[in-house]
PDB file of N, CA and C in Angstrom:
ATOM      1  N   UNK A   1       6.839 -24.904  18.307  1.00  0.00           N
ATOM      2  CA  UNK A   1       5.753 -24.673  19.246  1.00  0.00           C
ATOM      3  C   UNK A   1       5.096 -23.338  18.886  1.00  0.00           C
ATOM      4  N   UNK A   2       3.786 -23.347  18.654  1.00  0.00           N
ATOM      5  CA  UNK A   2       3.087 -22.124  18.246  1.00  0.00           C
ATOM      6  C   UNK A   2       3.273 -20.956  19.217  1.00  0.00           C
ATOM      7  N   UNK A   3       3.431 -21.262  20.486  1.00  0.00           N
ATOM      8  CA  UNK A   3       3.598 -20.199  21.479  1.00  0.00           C
ATOM      9  C   UNK A   3       4.859 -19.386  21.207  1.00  0.00           C
ATOM     10  N   UNK A   4       5.961 -20.073  20.921  1.00  0.00           N
ATOM     11  CA  UNK A   4       7.214 -19.365  20.657  1.00  0.00           C
ATOM     12  C   UNK A   4       7.156 -18.608  19.339  1.00  0.00           C
ATOM     13  N   UNK A   5       6.495 -19.174  18.353  1.00  0.00           N
ATOM     14  CA  UNK A   5       6.320 -18.464  17.082  1.00  0.00           C
ATOM     15  C   UNK A   5       5.524 -17.184  17.312  1.00  0.00           C
ATOM     16  N   UNK A   6       4.459 -17.280  18.098  1.00  0.00           N
ATOM     17  CA  UNK A   6       3.612 -16.112  18.368  1.00  0.00           C
ATOM     18  C   UNK A   6       4.381 -15.031  19.120  1.00  0.00           C
ATOM     19  N   UNK A   7       5.178 -15.432  20.097  1.00  0.00           N
ATOM     20  CA  UNK A   7       5.908 -14.456  20.913  1.00  0.00           C
ATOM     21  C   UNK A   7       7.182 -13.946  20.243  1.00  0.00           C
ATOM     22  N   UNK A   8       7.582 -14.591  19.150  1.00  0.00           N
ATOM     23  CA  UNK A   8       8.834 -14.230  18.495  1.00  0.00           C
ATOM     24  C   UNK A   8       8.721 -13.117  17.476  1.00  0.00           C
ATOM     25  N   UNK A   9       7.622 -12.413  17.452  1.00  0.00           N
ATOM     26  CA  UNK A   9       7.408 -11.364  16.466  1.00  0.00           C
ATOM     27  C   UNK A   9       7.093 -10.051  17.180  1.00  0.00           C
ATOM     28  N   UNK A  10       7.811  -9.009  16.826  1.00  0.00           N
ATOM     29  CA  UNK A  10       7.639  -7.703  17.475  1.00  0.00           C
ATOM     30  C   UNK A  10       6.236  -7.130  17.269  1.00  0.00           C
ATOM     31  N   UNK A  11       5.648  -7.366  16.103  1.00  0.00           N
ATOM     32  CA  UNK A  11       4.305  -6.863  15.824  1.00  0.00           C
ATOM     33  C   UNK A  11       3.300  -7.510  16.769  1.00  0.00           C
ATOM     34  N   UNK A  12       3.421  -8.821  16.962  1.00  0.00           N
ATOM     35  CA  UNK A  12       2.493  -9.511  17.862  1.00  0.00           C
ATOM     36  C   UNK A  12       2.689  -9.064  19.301  1.00  0.00           C
ATOM     37  N   UNK A  13       3.915  -8.782  19.683  1.00  0.00           N
ATOM     38  CA  UNK A  13       4.154  -8.267  21.037  1.00  0.00           C
ATOM     39  C   UNK A  13       3.518  -6.894  21.211  1.00  0.00           C
ATOM     40  N   UNK A  14       3.502  -6.101  20.157  1.00  0.00           N
ATOM     41  CA  UNK A  14       2.832  -4.795  20.189  1.00  0.00           C
ATOM     42  C   UNK A  14       1.326  -4.971  20.405  1.00  0.00           C
ATOM     43  N   UNK A  15       0.745  -5.952  19.751  1.00  0.00           N
ATOM     44  CA  UNK A  15      -0.693  -6.221  19.915  1.00  0.00           C
ATOM     45  C   UNK A  15      -0.971  -6.706  21.340  1.00  0.00           C
ATOM     46  N   UNK A  16      -0.120  -7.586  21.856  1.00  0.00           N
ATOM     47  CA  UNK A  16      -0.278  -8.056  23.235  1.00  0.00           C
ATOM     48  C   UNK A  16      -0.201  -6.884  24.199  1.00  0.00           C
ATOM     49  N   UNK A  17       0.719  -5.983  23.964  1.00  0.00           N
ATOM     50  CA  UNK A  17       0.843  -4.796  24.818  1.00  0.00           C
ATOM     51  C   UNK A  17      -0.427  -3.946  24.764  1.00  0.00           C
ATOM     52  N   UNK A  18      -0.980  -3.774  23.578  1.00  0.00           N
ATOM     53  CA  UNK A  18      -2.217  -2.989  23.438  1.00  0.00           C
ATOM     54  C   UNK A  18      -3.365  -3.649  24.196  1.00  0.00           C
ATOM     55  N   UNK A  19      -3.431  -4.976  24.160  1.00  0.00           N
ATOM     56  CA  UNK A  19      -4.500  -5.688  24.855  1.00  0.00           C
ATOM     57  C   UNK A  19      -4.291  -5.727  26.364  1.00  0.00           C
ATOM     58  N   UNK A  20      -3.067  -5.494  26.814  1.00  0.00           N
ATOM     59  CA  UNK A  20      -2.748  -5.597  28.236  1.00  0.00           C
ATOM     60  C   UNK A  20      -3.038  -4.324  29.017  1.00  0.00           C
ATOM     61  N   UNK A  21      -3.171  -3.200  28.343  1.00  0.00           N
ATOM     62  CA  UNK A  21      -3.402  -1.944  29.058  1.00  0.00           C
ATOM     63  C   UNK A  21      -4.743  -1.985  29.769  1.00  0.00           C
ATOM     64  N   UNK A  22      -4.812  -1.365  30.944  1.00  0.00           N
ATOM     65  CA  UNK A  22      -6.095  -1.332  31.679  1.00  0.00           C
ATOM     66  C   UNK A  22      -7.195  -0.673  30.851  1.00  0.00           C
ATOM     67  N   UNK A  23      -8.367  -1.234  30.972  1.00  0.00           N
ATOM     68  CA  UNK A  23      -9.523  -0.728  30.245  1.00  0.00           C
ATOM     69  C   UNK A  23     -10.639  -0.417  31.236  1.00  0.00           C
ATOM     70  N   UNK A  24     -11.634   0.329  30.827  1.00  0.00           N
ATOM     71  CA  UNK A  24     -12.777   0.540  31.722  1.00  0.00           C
ATOM     72  C   UNK A  24     -13.377  -0.799  32.133  1.00  0.00           C
ATOM     73  N   UNK A  25     -13.966  -0.853  33.303  1.00  0.00           N
ATOM     74  CA  UNK A  25     -14.495  -2.106  33.833  1.00  0.00           C
ATOM     75  C   UNK A  25     -15.540  -2.756  32.941  1.00  0.00           C
ATOM     76  N   UNK A  26     -16.275  -1.939  32.188  1.00  0.00           N
ATOM     77  CA  UNK A  26     -17.341  -2.513  31.364  1.00  0.00           C
ATOM     78  C   UNK A  26     -16.844  -2.974  29.996  1.00  0.00           C
ATOM     79  N   UNK A  27     -15.568  -2.808  29.712  1.00  0.00           N
ATOM     80  CA  UNK A  27     -15.027  -3.194  28.413  1.00  0.00           C
ATOM     81  C   UNK A  27     -14.110  -4.403  28.579  1.00  0.00           C
ATOM     82  N   UNK A  28     -14.429  -5.483  27.922  1.00  0.00           N
ATOM     83  CA  UNK A  28     -13.644  -6.704  28.025  1.00  0.00           C
ATOM     84  C   UNK A  28     -13.050  -7.030  26.671  1.00  0.00           C
ATOM     85  N   UNK A  29     -11.927  -6.431  26.369  1.00  0.00           N
ATOM     86  CA  UNK A  29     -11.252  -6.673  25.108  1.00  0.00           C
ATOM     87  C   UNK A  29     -11.343  -5.488  24.168  1.00  0.00           C
ATOM     88  N   UNK A  30     -10.648  -5.617  23.052  1.00  0.00           N
ATOM     89  CA  UNK A  30     -10.612  -4.573  22.032  1.00  0.00           C
ATOM     90  C   UNK A  30     -10.969  -5.179  20.691  1.00  0.00           C
ATOM     91  N   UNK A  31     -11.632  -4.389  19.847  1.00  0.00           N
ATOM     92  CA  UNK A  31     -11.873  -4.863  18.485  1.00  0.00           C
ATOM     93  C   UNK A  31     -10.713  -4.415  17.599  1.00  0.00           C
ATOM     94  N   UNK A  32     -10.710  -4.871  16.357  1.00  0.00           N
ATOM     95  CA  UNK A  32      -9.600  -4.577  15.450  1.00  0.00           C
ATOM     96  C   UNK A  32      -9.418  -3.070  15.267  1.00  0.00           C
ATOM     97  N   UNK A  33     -10.511  -2.323  15.174  1.00  0.00           N
ATOM     98  CA  UNK A  33     -10.400  -0.860  15.024  1.00  0.00           C
ATOM     99  C   UNK A  33      -9.701  -0.234  16.226  1.00  0.00           C
ATOM    100  N   UNK A  34     -10.029  -0.676  17.429  1.00  0.00           N
ATOM    101  CA  UNK A  34      -9.408  -0.134  18.630  1.00  0.00           C
ATOM    102  C   UNK A  34      -7.930  -0.501  18.701  1.00  0.00           C
ATOM    103  N   UNK A  35      -7.593  -1.699  18.281  1.00  0.00           N
ATOM    104  CA  UNK A  35      -6.176  -2.099  18.262  1.00  0.00           C
ATOM    105  C   UNK A  35      -5.425  -1.266  17.225  1.00  0.00           C
ATOM    106  N   UNK A  36      -6.073  -1.003  16.090  1.00  0.00           N
ATOM    107  CA  UNK A  36      -5.462  -0.166  15.055  1.00  0.00           C
ATOM    108  C   UNK A  36      -5.144   1.225  15.607  1.00  0.00           C
ATOM    109  N   UNK A  37      -6.058   1.781  16.400  1.00  0.00           N
ATOM    110  CA  UNK A  37      -5.841   3.104  16.988  1.00  0.00           C
ATOM    111  C   UNK A  37      -4.663   3.110  17.960  1.00  0.00           C
ATOM    112  N   UNK A  38      -4.427   1.999  18.644  1.00  0.00           N
ATOM    113  CA  UNK A  38      -3.355   1.929  19.640  1.00  0.00           C
ATOM    114  C   UNK A  38      -2.005   1.566  19.041  1.00  0.00           C
ATOM    115  N   UNK A  39      -1.998   1.120  17.788  1.00  0.00           N
ATOM    116  CA  UNK A  39      -0.762   0.715  17.135  1.00  0.00           C
ATOM    117  C   UNK A  39      -0.647   1.436  15.798  1.00  0.00           C
ATOM    118  N   UNK A  40       0.447   1.223  15.125  1.00  0.00           N
ATOM    119  CA  UNK A  40       0.624   1.826  13.792  1.00  0.00           C
ATOM    120  C   UNK A  40       0.418   0.780  12.705  1.00  0.00           C
ATOM    121  N   UNK A  41      -0.374  -0.243  13.010  1.00  0.00           N
ATOM    122  CA  UNK A  41      -0.570  -1.351  12.084  1.00  0.00           C
ATOM    123  C   UNK A  41      -1.861  -1.193  11.291  1.00  0.00           C
ATOM    124  N   UNK A  42      -1.904  -1.817  10.135  1.00  0.00           N
ATOM    125  CA  UNK A  42      -3.125  -1.809   9.329  1.00  0.00           C
ATOM    126  C   UNK A  42      -4.096  -2.864   9.855  1.00  0.00           C
ATOM    127  N   UNK A  43      -5.357  -2.698   9.520  1.00  0.00           N
ATOM    128  CA  UNK A  43      -6.380  -3.670   9.957  1.00  0.00           C
ATOM    129  C   UNK A  43      -6.087  -5.075   9.447  1.00  0.00           C
ATOM    130  N   UNK A  44      -5.709  -5.256   8.154  1.00  0.00           N
ATOM    131  CA  UNK A  44      -5.393  -6.615   7.698  1.00  0.00           C
ATOM    132  C   UNK A  44      -4.212  -7.229   8.442  1.00  0.00           C
ATOM    133  N   UNK A  45      -3.204  -6.428   8.747  1.00  0.00           N
ATOM    134  CA  UNK A  45      -2.041  -6.936   9.492  1.00  0.00           C
ATOM    135  C   UNK A  45      -2.447  -7.365  10.891  1.00  0.00           C
ATOM    136  N   UNK A  46      -3.261  -6.565  11.531  1.00  0.00           N
ATOM    137  CA  UNK A  46      -3.721  -6.898  12.882  1.00  0.00           C
ATOM    138  C   UNK A  46      -4.530  -8.191  12.858  1.00  0.00           C
ATOM    139  N   UNK A  47      -5.426  -8.318  11.910  1.00  0.00           N
ATOM    140  CA  UNK A  47      -6.242  -9.528  11.813  1.00  0.00           C
ATOM    141  C   UNK A  47      -5.370 -10.763  11.613  1.00  0.00           C
ATOM    142  N   UNK A  48      -4.362 -10.648  10.764  1.00  0.00           N
ATOM    143  CA  UNK A  48      -3.447 -11.765  10.518  1.00  0.00           C
ATOM    144  C   UNK A  48      -2.726 -12.172  11.800  1.00  0.00           C
ATOM    145  N   UNK A  49      -2.199 -11.201  12.508  1.00  0.00           N
ATOM    146  CA  UNK A  49      -1.443 -11.491  13.727  1.00  0.00           C
ATOM    147  C   UNK A  49      -2.353 -11.959  14.864  1.00  0.00           C
ATOM    148  N   UNK A  50      -3.575 -11.456  14.924  1.00  0.00           N
ATOM    149  CA  UNK A  50      -4.525 -11.935  15.937  1.00  0.00           C
ATOM    150  C   UNK A  50      -4.842 -13.413  15.725  1.00  0.00           C
ATOM    151  N   UNK A  51      -4.914 -13.823  14.481  1.00  0.00           N
ATOM    152  CA  UNK A  51      -5.169 -15.237  14.177  1.00  0.00           C
ATOM    153  C   UNK A  51      -4.034 -16.102  14.736  1.00  0.00           C
ATOM    154  N   UNK A  52      -2.804 -15.680  14.556  1.00  0.00           N
ATOM    155  CA  UNK A  52      -1.654 -16.427  15.065  1.00  0.00           C
ATOM    156  C   UNK A  52      -1.660 -16.443  16.592  1.00  0.00           C
ATOM    157  N   UNK A  53      -1.953 -15.309  17.207  1.00  0.00           N
ATOM    158  CA  UNK A  53      -2.018 -15.241  18.669  1.00  0.00           C
ATOM    159  C   UNK A  53      -3.130 -16.124  19.216  1.00  0.00           C
ATOM    160  N   UNK A  54      -4.244 -16.159  18.506  1.00  0.00           N
ATOM    161  CA  UNK A  54      -5.377 -16.998  18.926  1.00  0.00           C
ATOM    162  C   UNK A  54      -5.004 -18.475  18.826  1.00  0.00           C
ATOM    163  N   UNK A  55      -4.376 -18.871  17.731  1.00  0.00           N
ATOM    164  CA  UNK A  55      -3.959 -20.262  17.552  1.00  0.00           C
ATOM    165  C   UNK A  55      -2.943 -20.699  18.608  1.00  0.00           C
ATOM    166  N   UNK A  56      -2.158 -19.750  19.105  1.00  0.00           N
ATOM    167  CA  UNK A  56      -1.160 -20.056  20.128  1.00  0.00           C
ATOM    168  C   UNK A  56      -1.769 -20.064  21.533  1.00  0.00           C
ATOM    169  N   UNK A  57      -3.027 -19.681  21.643  1.00  0.00           N
ATOM    170  CA  UNK A  57      -3.686 -19.673  22.942  1.00  0.00           C
ATOM    171  C   UNK A  57      -3.414 -18.442  23.777  1.00  0.00           C
ATOM    172  N   UNK A  58      -2.879 -17.404  23.163  1.00  0.00           N
ATOM    173  CA  UNK A  58      -2.576 -16.173  23.895  1.00  0.00           C
ATOM    174  C   UNK A  58      -3.736 -15.187  23.886  1.00  0.00           C
ATOM    175  N   UNK A  59      -4.618 -15.327  22.916  1.00  0.00           N
ATOM    176  CA  UNK A  59      -5.731 -14.399  22.737  1.00  0.00           C
ATOM    177  C   UNK A  59      -6.998 -15.211  22.472  1.00  0.00           C
ATOM    178  N   UNK A  60      -8.095 -14.745  23.017  1.00  0.00           N
ATOM    179  CA  UNK A  60      -9.410 -15.309  22.707  1.00  0.00           C
ATOM    180  C   UNK A  60     -10.281 -14.194  22.162  1.00  0.00           C
ATOM    181  N   UNK A  61     -11.414 -14.587  21.611  1.00  0.00           N
ATOM    182  CA  UNK A  61     -12.308 -13.611  21.001  1.00  0.00           C
ATOM    183  C   UNK A  61     -13.729 -13.872  21.477  1.00  0.00           C
ATOM    184  N   UNK A  62     -14.465 -12.807  21.655  1.00  0.00           N
ATOM    185  CA  UNK A  62     -15.887 -12.914  21.958  1.00  0.00           C
ATOM    186  C   UNK A  62     -16.617 -12.006  20.980  1.00  0.00           C
ATOM    187  N   UNK A  63     -17.781 -12.436  20.570  1.00  0.00           N
ATOM    188  CA  UNK A  63     -18.565 -11.672  19.619  1.00  0.00           C
ATOM    189  C   UNK A  63     -19.654 -10.915  20.352  1.00  0.00           C
ATOM    190  N   UNK A  64     -19.781  -9.661  20.008  1.00  0.00           N
ATOM    191  CA  UNK A  64     -20.840  -8.812  20.562  1.00  0.00           C
ATOM    192  C   UNK A  64     -21.487  -8.096  19.385  1.00  0.00           C
ATOM    193  N   UNK A  65     -22.671  -8.532  19.042  1.00  0.00           N
ATOM    194  CA  UNK A  65     -23.318  -7.991  17.846  1.00  0.00           C
ATOM    195  C   UNK A  65     -22.521  -8.407  16.624  1.00  0.00           C
ATOM    196  N   UNK A  66     -22.096  -7.432  15.847  1.00  0.00           N
ATOM    197  CA  UNK A  66     -21.298  -7.726  14.656  1.00  0.00           C
ATOM    198  C   UNK A  66     -19.812  -7.528  14.891  1.00  0.00           C
ATOM    199  N   UNK A  67     -19.420  -7.175  16.113  1.00  0.00           N
ATOM    200  CA  UNK A  67     -18.009  -6.921  16.421  1.00  0.00           C
ATOM    201  C   UNK A  67     -17.391  -8.079  17.183  1.00  0.00           C
ATOM    202  N   UNK A  68     -16.131  -8.327  16.896  1.00  0.00           N
ATOM    203  CA  UNK A  68     -15.337  -9.298  17.636  1.00  0.00           C
ATOM    204  C   UNK A  68     -14.394  -8.549  18.560  1.00  0.00           C
ATOM    205  N   UNK A  69     -14.364  -8.936  19.832  1.00  0.00           N
ATOM    206  CA  UNK A  69     -13.494  -8.317  20.815  1.00  0.00           C
ATOM    207  C   UNK A  69     -12.448  -9.328  21.252  1.00  0.00           C
ATOM    208  N   UNK A  70     -11.196  -8.927  21.162  1.00  0.00           N
ATOM    209  CA  UNK A  70     -10.074  -9.794  21.489  1.00  0.00           C
ATOM    210  C   UNK A  70      -9.540  -9.434  22.868  1.00  0.00           C
ATOM    211  N   UNK A  71      -9.156 -10.459  23.617  1.00  0.00           N
ATOM    212  CA  UNK A  71      -8.618 -10.259  24.963  1.00  0.00           C
ATOM    213  C   UNK A  71      -7.562 -11.319  25.239  1.00  0.00           C
ATOM    214  N   UNK A  72      -6.673 -10.999  26.164  1.00  0.00           N
ATOM    215  CA  UNK A  72      -5.581 -11.907  26.497  1.00  0.00           C
ATOM    216  C   UNK A  72      -6.083 -13.094  27.302  1.00  0.00           C
ATOM    217  N   UNK A  73      -5.565 -14.250  26.981  1.00  0.00           N
ATOM    218  CA  UNK A  73      -5.840 -15.479  27.731  1.00  0.00           C
ATOM    219  C   UNK A  73      -4.509 -16.201  27.906  1.00  0.00           C
ATOM    220  N   UNK A  74      -3.660 -15.622  28.721  1.00  0.00           N
ATOM    221  CA  UNK A  74      -2.292 -16.138  28.806  1.00  0.00           C
ATOM    222  C   UNK A  74      -2.077 -17.136  29.931  1.00  0.00           C
ATOM    223  N   UNK A  75      -3.075 -17.414  30.737  1.00  0.00           N
ATOM    224  CA  UNK A  75      -2.884 -18.308  31.880  1.00  0.00           C
ATOM    225  C   UNK A  75      -2.420 -19.692  31.440  1.00  0.00           C
ATOM    226  N   UNK A  76      -3.080 -20.284  30.468  1.00  0.00           N
ATOM    227  CA  UNK A  76      -2.692 -21.618  30.004  1.00  0.00           C
ATOM    228  C   UNK A  76      -1.296 -21.601  29.378  1.00  0.00           C
ATOM    229  N   UNK A  77      -1.016 -20.581  28.592  1.00  0.00           N
ATOM    230  CA  UNK A  77       0.302 -20.478  27.964  1.00  0.00           C
ATOM    231  C   UNK A  77       1.394 -20.296  29.009  1.00  0.00           C
ATOM    232  N   UNK A  78       1.100 -19.549  30.050  1.00  0.00           N
ATOM    233  CA  UNK A  78       2.063 -19.359  31.129  1.00  0.00           C
ATOM    234  C   UNK A  78       2.355 -20.684  31.825  1.00  0.00           C
ATOM    235  N   UNK A  79       1.319 -21.487  32.038  1.00  0.00           N
ATOM    236  CA  UNK A  79       1.523 -22.815  32.647  1.00  0.00           C
ATOM    237  C   UNK A  79       2.427 -23.685  31.778  1.00  0.00           C
ATOM    238  N   UNK A  80       2.216 -23.640  30.469  1.00  0.00           N
ATOM    239  CA  UNK A  80       3.041 -24.425  29.548  1.00  0.00           C
ATOM    240  C   UNK A  80       4.500 -23.978  29.640  1.00  0.00           C
ATOM    241  N   UNK A  81       4.738 -22.676  29.647  1.00  0.00           N
ATOM    242  CA  UNK A  81       6.102 -22.164  29.752  1.00  0.00           C
ATOM    243  C   UNK A  81       6.744 -22.527  31.085  1.00  0.00           C
ATOM    244  N   UNK A  82       5.982 -22.430  32.161  1.00  0.00           N
ATOM    245  CA  UNK A  82       6.518 -22.794  33.477  1.00  0.00           C
ATOM    246  C   UNK A  82       6.859 -24.280  33.521  1.00  0.00           C
ATOM    247  N   UNK A  83       5.999 -25.103  32.953  1.00  0.00           N
ATOM    248  CA  UNK A  83       6.247 -26.538  32.903  1.00  0.00           C
ATOM    249  C   UNK A  83       7.524 -26.832  32.119  1.00  0.00           C
ATOM    250  N   UNK A  84       7.696 -26.160  31.000  1.00  0.00           N
ATOM    251  CA  UNK A  84       8.910 -26.314  30.205  1.00  0.00           C
ATOM    252  C   UNK A  84      10.128 -25.905  31.024  1.00  0.00           C
ATOM    253  N   UNK A  85      10.023 -24.787  31.737  1.00  0.00           N
ATOM    254  CA  UNK A  85      11.126 -24.325  32.578  1.00  0.00           C
ATOM    255  C   UNK A  85      11.491 -25.334  33.657  1.00  0.00           C
ATOM    256  N   UNK A  86      10.473 -25.907  34.292  1.00  0.00           N
ATOM    257  CA  UNK A  86      10.731 -26.918  35.329  1.00  0.00           C
ATOM    258  C   UNK A  86      11.406 -28.144  34.741  1.00  0.00           C
ATOM    259  N   UNK A  87      10.956 -28.575  33.578  1.00  0.00           N
ATOM    260  CA  UNK A  87      11.564 -29.746  32.915  1.00  0.00           C
ATOM    261  C   UNK A  87      13.001 -29.475  32.521  1.00  0.00           C
ATOM    262  N   UNK A  88      13.249 -28.288  31.990  1.00  0.00           N
ATOM    263  CA  UNK A  88      14.625 -27.934  31.624  1.00  0.00           C
ATOM    264  C   UNK A  88      15.516 -27.893  32.862  1.00  0.00           C
ATOM    265  N   UNK A  89      14.998 -27.358  33.948  1.00  0.00           N
ATOM    266  CA  UNK A  89      15.763 -27.300  35.189  1.00  0.00           C
ATOM    267  C   UNK A  89      16.096 -28.708  35.695  1.00  0.00           C
ATOM    268  N   UNK A  90      15.124 -29.608  35.622  1.00  0.00           N
ATOM    269  CA  UNK A  90      15.359 -30.985  36.033  1.00  0.00           C
ATOM    270  C   UNK A  90      16.411 -31.645  35.140  1.00  0.00           C
ATOM    271  N   UNK A  91      16.369 -31.357  33.860  1.00  0.00           N
ATOM    272  CA  UNK A  91      17.310 -31.933  32.908  1.00  0.00           C
ATOM    273  C   UNK A  91      18.730 -31.430  33.181  1.00  0.00           C
ATOM    274  N   UNK A  92      18.846 -30.148  33.496  1.00  0.00           N
ATOM    275  CA  UNK A  92      20.150 -29.542  33.743  1.00  0.00           C
ATOM    276  C   UNK A  92      20.771 -30.044  35.034  1.00  0.00           C
ATOM    277  N   UNK A  93      19.934 -30.199  36.063  1.00  0.00           N
ATOM    278  CA  UNK A  93      20.469 -30.610  37.371  1.00  0.00           C
ATOM    279  C   UNK A  93      20.437 -32.067  37.539  1.00  0.00           C
TER     280      UNK A  93
END
């Protein structure tokens, strides 16, 4: 499951943490340069991991001019995990 692959890497969790910090109200997401400033990762590494997070449904991107801004979209992924938890609970009991 792509979600577990995405969450199973410490680097990706670092990126999720960077995207989760409160931002000014007029800023919706971070670009790769801003994520680089908040982490000790290189731009190519961040781009690679953002692609995996996006494919897993944890991150979305919006384009503003020539910049891409990434933001968390974990609601759907959370529903999937909760559904899995409920099914496992039913199976166990």
